[in-house]
């Protein structure tokens, strides 16, 4: 299974987009770019479990409108802190890859993984 791990802040939106589009959370152009990757690779989408609960429904709806679905979520930071002591997003990806026999993956994030 191939997976696209992605974050919303800095990937599906940007500070510029959020400032220009008051009240909107997800940039449709960025969703279209994500869809091109998913269509070309057949990868499954996996979100960061720590995404704001207020935005999860909007994210799932926007992806569904574009013909995509969220396949899974990484463990939360709290879950991983209890497991590893020191937590980074890279730990969440590693944990998911090992637990789900992921063959190939890419991480779209505005932070260095």
Protein backbone atom coordinates (compact mmCIF):
# COMPACT_ATOMS: atom_id res chain seq x y z
CA UNK A 1 0.00 0.00 0.00
CA UNK A 2 1.22 3.49 -0.87
CA UNK A 3 0.32 6.34 1.45
CA UNK A 4 0.25 10.12 1.35
CA UNK A 5 0.69 11.56 4.83
CA UNK A 6 -0.34 15.18 4.88
CA UNK A 7 -0.90 18.13 7.10
CA UNK A 8 -3.48 20.81 6.46
CA UNK A 9 -1.75 23.96 7.71
CA UNK A 10 0.85 24.91 5.14
CA UNK A 11 -0.19 22.13 2.73
CA UNK A 12 -3.90 22.53 1.97
CA UNK A 13 -3.83 26.16 3.01
CA UNK A 14 -1.30 28.92 3.62
CA UNK A 15 -1.11 32.09 5.67
CA UNK A 16 -1.75 34.09 2.48
CA UNK A 17 -4.83 32.02 1.62
CA UNK A 18 -6.21 32.26 5.17
CA UNK A 19 -5.74 36.04 5.18
CA UNK A 20 -7.31 36.52 1.75
CA UNK A 21 -10.19 34.07 2.21
CA UNK A 22 -11.54 34.91 5.64
CA UNK A 23 -13.52 32.02 7.06
CA UNK A 24 -12.22 29.45 4.58
CA UNK A 25 -9.85 26.77 5.79
CA UNK A 26 -8.88 24.72 2.73
CA UNK A 27 -7.61 26.00 -0.60
CA UNK A 28 -9.39 24.22 -3.50
CA UNK A 29 -6.29 24.57 -5.71
CA UNK A 30 -4.21 22.65 -3.17
CA UNK A 31 -6.89 19.95 -2.93
CA UNK A 32 -6.76 19.62 -6.73
CA UNK A 33 -2.96 19.20 -6.56
CA UNK A 34 -3.33 16.52 -3.89
CA UNK A 35 -5.88 14.73 -6.08
CA UNK A 36 -3.42 14.66 -8.98
CA UNK A 37 -0.90 12.88 -6.76
CA UNK A 38 -3.47 10.41 -5.42
CA UNK A 39 -4.80 9.65 -8.90
CA UNK A 40 -1.31 9.17 -10.33
CA UNK A 41 -0.11 6.89 -7.54
CA UNK A 42 -3.21 5.17 -6.20
CA UNK A 43 -2.02 6.15 -2.72
CA UNK A 44 -4.24 6.21 0.35
CA UNK A 45 -4.64 9.46 2.31
CA UNK A 46 -3.64 9.44 5.97
CA UNK A 47 -4.19 12.52 8.10
CA UNK A 48 -2.56 13.68 11.29
CA UNK A 49 -4.85 12.67 14.15
CA UNK A 50 -3.99 15.92 15.93
CA UNK A 51 -5.78 18.03 13.33
CA UNK A 52 -8.26 20.38 14.95
CA UNK A 53 -11.52 18.53 15.53
CA UNK A 54 -13.36 21.63 14.36
CA UNK A 55 -11.78 21.22 10.93
CA UNK A 56 -11.95 17.44 10.46
CA UNK A 57 -15.49 17.41 9.04
CA UNK A 58 -14.69 20.24 6.61
CA UNK A 59 -11.53 18.45 5.50
CA UNK A 60 -13.31 15.14 4.93
CA UNK A 61 -16.13 16.89 3.05
CA UNK A 62 -13.75 18.88 0.82
CA UNK A 63 -11.75 15.78 -0.03
CA UNK A 64 -14.95 13.82 -0.76
CA UNK A 65 -16.16 16.63 -3.04
CA UNK A 66 -12.90 16.18 -4.96
CA UNK A 67 -13.37 12.40 -5.15
CA UNK A 68 -10.96 11.43 -2.38
CA UNK A 69 -11.40 9.84 1.01
CA UNK A 70 -9.33 9.69 4.14
CA UNK A 71 -8.11 6.13 4.61
CA UNK A 72 -6.67 6.51 8.09
CA UNK A 73 -5.01 8.71 10.68
CA UNK A 74 -1.70 8.64 12.49
CA UNK A 75 -1.67 8.23 16.25
CA UNK A 76 -2.12 11.38 18.29
CA UNK A 77 0.80 13.17 19.88
CA UNK A 78 -0.48 12.18 23.33
CA UNK A 79 -0.61 8.50 22.38
CA UNK A 80 2.92 8.64 20.99
CA UNK A 81 4.32 10.59 23.94
CA UNK A 82 3.06 7.80 26.19
CA UNK A 83 4.67 5.20 23.91
CA UNK A 84 8.00 6.85 23.04
CA UNK A 85 8.44 9.62 25.60
CA UNK A 86 9.69 12.09 23.00
CA UNK A 87 7.28 12.84 20.18
CA UNK A 88 7.67 14.31 16.72
CA UNK A 89 5.42 14.01 13.67
CA UNK A 90 8.07 11.71 12.21
CA UNK A 91 7.33 9.27 15.06
CA UNK A 92 3.66 9.29 14.05
CA UNK A 93 4.55 8.44 10.45
CA UNK A 94 7.03 5.75 11.46
CA UNK A 95 4.49 4.18 13.82
CA UNK A 96 1.84 4.10 11.07
CA UNK A 97 4.22 2.72 8.43
CA UNK A 98 5.32 -0.15 10.66
CA UNK A 99 1.83 -0.98 11.96
CA UNK A 100 0.22 -0.98 8.50
CA UNK A 101 2.86 -2.58 6.26
CA UNK A 102 3.16 0.54 4.12
CA UNK A 103 5.27 -0.11 1.03
CA UNK A 104 5.79 3.45 -0.16
CA UNK A 105 4.91 6.86 1.18
CA UNK A 106 5.36 10.57 0.85
CA UNK A 107 4.90 13.25 3.50
CA UNK A 108 3.42 16.60 2.55
CA UNK A 109 4.11 18.97 5.39
CA UNK A 110 5.41 22.49 5.79
CA UNK A 111 7.74 21.25 8.55
CA UNK A 112 10.97 19.29 8.02
CA UNK A 113 10.34 15.62 8.79
